[in-house]
Protein backbone atom coordinates (compact mmCIF):
# COMPACT_ATOMS: atom_id res chain seq x y z
CA MET A 1 0.00 0.00 0.00
CA ALA A 2 1.49 3.33 -1.08
CA THR A 3 1.83 6.07 1.48
CA SER A 4 1.06 9.59 0.39
CA PRO A 5 3.94 12.04 0.74
CA ALA A 6 1.79 14.26 2.95
CA LYS A 7 1.69 11.60 5.69
CA PHE A 8 5.21 12.43 6.87
CA ARG A 9 5.39 16.21 6.88
CA THR A 10 8.28 16.40 9.36
CA ARG A 11 11.41 14.43 10.11
CA ASP A 12 9.94 13.39 13.46
CA ALA A 13 6.81 12.10 11.74
CA LEU A 14 8.96 10.10 9.33
CA LEU A 15 11.01 8.66 12.20
CA ASP A 16 7.83 7.74 14.05
CA GLY A 17 6.57 5.91 10.95
CA VAL A 18 9.84 4.01 10.52
CA ILE A 19 9.97 3.10 14.22
CA GLU A 20 6.38 1.90 14.15
CA ARG A 21 6.99 -0.27 11.09
CA ILE A 22 10.27 -1.79 12.27
CA THR A 23 9.09 -2.48 15.82
CA ARG A 24 5.84 -3.97 14.48
CA ARG A 25 7.76 -6.27 12.13
CA LEU A 26 10.18 -7.32 14.88
CA GLY A 27 7.25 -7.84 17.24
CA GLU A 28 5.51 -10.02 14.66
CA ARG A 29 8.65 -12.16 14.39
CA VAL A 30 8.84 -12.54 18.17
CA ASP A 31 5.11 -13.31 18.40
CA ALA A 32 5.36 -15.88 15.59
CA PHE A 33 7.90 -17.92 17.54
CA THR A 34 6.25 -20.64 19.58
CA VAL A 35 7.95 -21.38 22.88
CA ARG A 36 7.98 -25.12 23.42
CA PRO A 37 9.85 -27.69 25.52
CA LEU A 38 13.13 -28.63 23.84
CA SER A 39 16.25 -30.56 24.68
CA PRO A 40 19.34 -28.41 25.32
CA ALA A 41 20.77 -29.43 21.91
CA ASP A 42 17.53 -28.47 20.18
CA LEU A 43 17.43 -25.26 22.21
CA GLU A 44 20.78 -24.19 20.79
CA GLU A 45 19.53 -24.82 17.26
CA ALA A 46 16.24 -22.98 17.87
CA LEU A 47 17.96 -19.92 19.33
CA VAL A 48 20.52 -19.79 16.52
CA THR A 49 17.78 -20.11 13.91
CA VAL A 50 15.65 -17.34 15.42
CA MET A 51 18.60 -15.01 15.85
CA THR A 52 20.01 -15.51 12.36
CA THR A 53 16.55 -14.90 10.88
CA MET A 54 17.14 -11.23 11.60
CA LEU A 55 19.92 -11.27 9.00
CA THR A 56 18.40 -13.58 6.44
CA ASP A 57 14.83 -12.26 6.26
CA GLY A 58 15.54 -8.96 4.60
CA ARG A 59 18.64 -6.96 5.40
CA HIS A 60 16.70 -3.69 5.33
CA ASP A 61 14.94 -4.20 8.67
CA PRO A 62 18.09 -4.72 10.76
CA LEU A 63 19.88 -1.91 8.95
CA ALA A 64 16.94 0.41 9.65
CA LEU A 65 16.96 -0.76 13.27
CA PHE A 66 20.64 0.13 13.61
CA GLU A 67 20.02 3.54 12.05
CA LEU A 68 17.29 4.10 14.63
CA HIS A 69 19.62 3.07 17.44
CA LEU A 70 22.14 5.63 16.23
CA GLU A 71 19.42 8.27 15.93
CA SER A 72 18.33 7.55 19.51
CA THR A 73 21.70 8.86 20.73
CA ARG A 74 20.66 12.24 19.36
CA ASN A 75 16.94 11.90 20.00
CA PRO A 76 16.18 10.31 23.39
CA ARG A 77 12.44 9.98 22.71
CA LEU A 78 13.25 7.09 20.36
CA ARG A 79 14.88 5.07 23.13
CA HIS A 80 11.62 3.90 24.73
CA MET A 81 10.35 2.04 21.67
CA LEU A 82 13.75 0.52 20.98
CA THR A 83 14.11 -0.57 24.61
CA ASP A 84 10.66 -2.20 24.54
CA ALA A 85 11.56 -4.16 21.40
CA LEU A 86 14.86 -5.28 22.96
CA GLN A 87 13.07 -6.41 26.12
CA SER A 88 10.55 -8.41 24.07
CA ARG A 89 13.36 -10.29 22.39
CA ARG A 90 15.07 -10.78 25.77
CA ASP A 91 11.85 -12.19 27.22
CA LEU A 92 11.50 -14.60 24.29
CA ILE A 93 15.03 -15.91 24.86
CA MET A 94 14.30 -16.38 28.57
CA SER A 95 10.98 -18.13 27.93
CA GLN A 96 12.47 -20.57 25.45
CA CYS A 97 15.42 -21.37 27.70
CA HIS A 98 13.12 -21.90 30.68
CA ALA A 99 10.92 -24.20 28.57
CA ALA A 100 14.03 -26.25 27.84
CA GLY A 101 14.86 -26.49 31.54
CA ILE A 102 17.70 -23.96 31.46
CA LYS A 103 17.21 -21.12 33.88
CA ILE A 104 18.82 -17.94 32.62
CA SER A 105 18.52 -14.50 34.10
CA GLN A 106 17.27 -11.36 32.40
CA ASP A 107 20.88 -10.19 32.30
CA ASP A 108 22.01 -13.41 30.57
CA ALA A 109 19.25 -13.14 27.97
CA LEU A 110 19.98 -9.46 27.40
CA LEU A 111 23.69 -10.18 27.04
CA LEU A 112 22.93 -12.82 24.41
CA GLU A 113 20.57 -10.49 22.52
CA MET A 114 23.08 -7.63 22.64
CA SER A 115 25.88 -9.96 21.50
CA VAL A 116 23.80 -11.03 18.52
CA LEU A 117 22.99 -7.40 17.71
CA GLY A 118 26.72 -6.65 17.73
CA ILE A 119 27.42 -9.61 15.46
CA ALA A 120 24.59 -8.53 13.15
CA PHE A 121 25.80 -4.92 13.07
CA THR A 122 29.34 -5.98 12.20
CA ALA A 123 28.22 -8.51 9.58
CA LEU A 124 25.83 -6.10 7.88
CA THR A 125 28.13 -3.10 7.87
CA THR A 126 31.47 -4.77 7.07
CA GLY A 127 30.73 -8.23 5.69
CA VAL A 128 32.88 -9.73 8.46
CA PRO A 129 32.08 -12.41 9.32
CA GLU A 130 30.72 -13.49 5.95
CA SER A 131 28.55 -16.08 7.66
CA PRO A 132 27.23 -14.59 10.91
CA GLY A 133 25.67 -17.94 11.86
CA ARG A 134 28.99 -19.20 13.25
CA PRO A 135 29.60 -16.37 15.75
CA ILE A 136 25.90 -16.34 16.69
CA ARG A 137 26.14 -20.09 17.39
CA ALA A 138 29.27 -19.47 19.47
CA ALA A 139 27.48 -16.81 21.55
CA VAL A 140 24.47 -19.08 22.12
CA ARG A 141 26.65 -22.10 22.92
CA THR A 142 28.75 -20.09 25.39
CA LEU A 143 25.70 -18.87 27.29
CA LEU A 144 24.08 -22.30 27.37
CA ALA A 145 27.31 -24.00 28.46
CA PHE A 146 27.78 -21.45 31.21
CA ARG A 147 24.24 -21.93 32.48
CA ALA A 148 24.58 -25.72 32.31
CA GLY A 149 27.71 -25.52 34.49
CA ASN A 150 30.14 -26.32 31.68
CA SER A 151 31.83 -22.95 31.47
CA PRO A 152 35.56 -22.95 30.72
CA THR A 153 36.28 -21.48 34.15
CA LYS A 154 34.35 -24.24 35.93
CA SER A 155 35.81 -27.09 33.90
CA GLY A 156 39.35 -25.81 34.18
CA LYS A 157 39.85 -25.26 30.44
């Protein structure tokens, strides 16, 4: 559906429209994911799949999201919507881990989400790594191993 040019008469109105669209699309992706009981091995695969979807289902959404994050450093009113979207993704990570019998904290889930955002930002803006699935898998595996008591510091590695 085409939007008339008159709809966004100011920069703020345009930003509001972009924020609304991106957060709605991200929210739809979160809502479409069904939390279900999984084994820890299947949990890793499910988390990696969901997190890499951000990069494979249209590069424009994550790039727009990163532009909005940068804009929020100059325009604090944008931060609320971005924070809400981040917390929704954090809550999804926590719910899925809990359904698989792995108790992670809000901080752990947020750290994983922020790590994946950093990987996505680097991959989309530099092309390094060419396949972001590997570092995303490493971030997920590290968190899950830590929560399962298999962290390198606990196992002496």
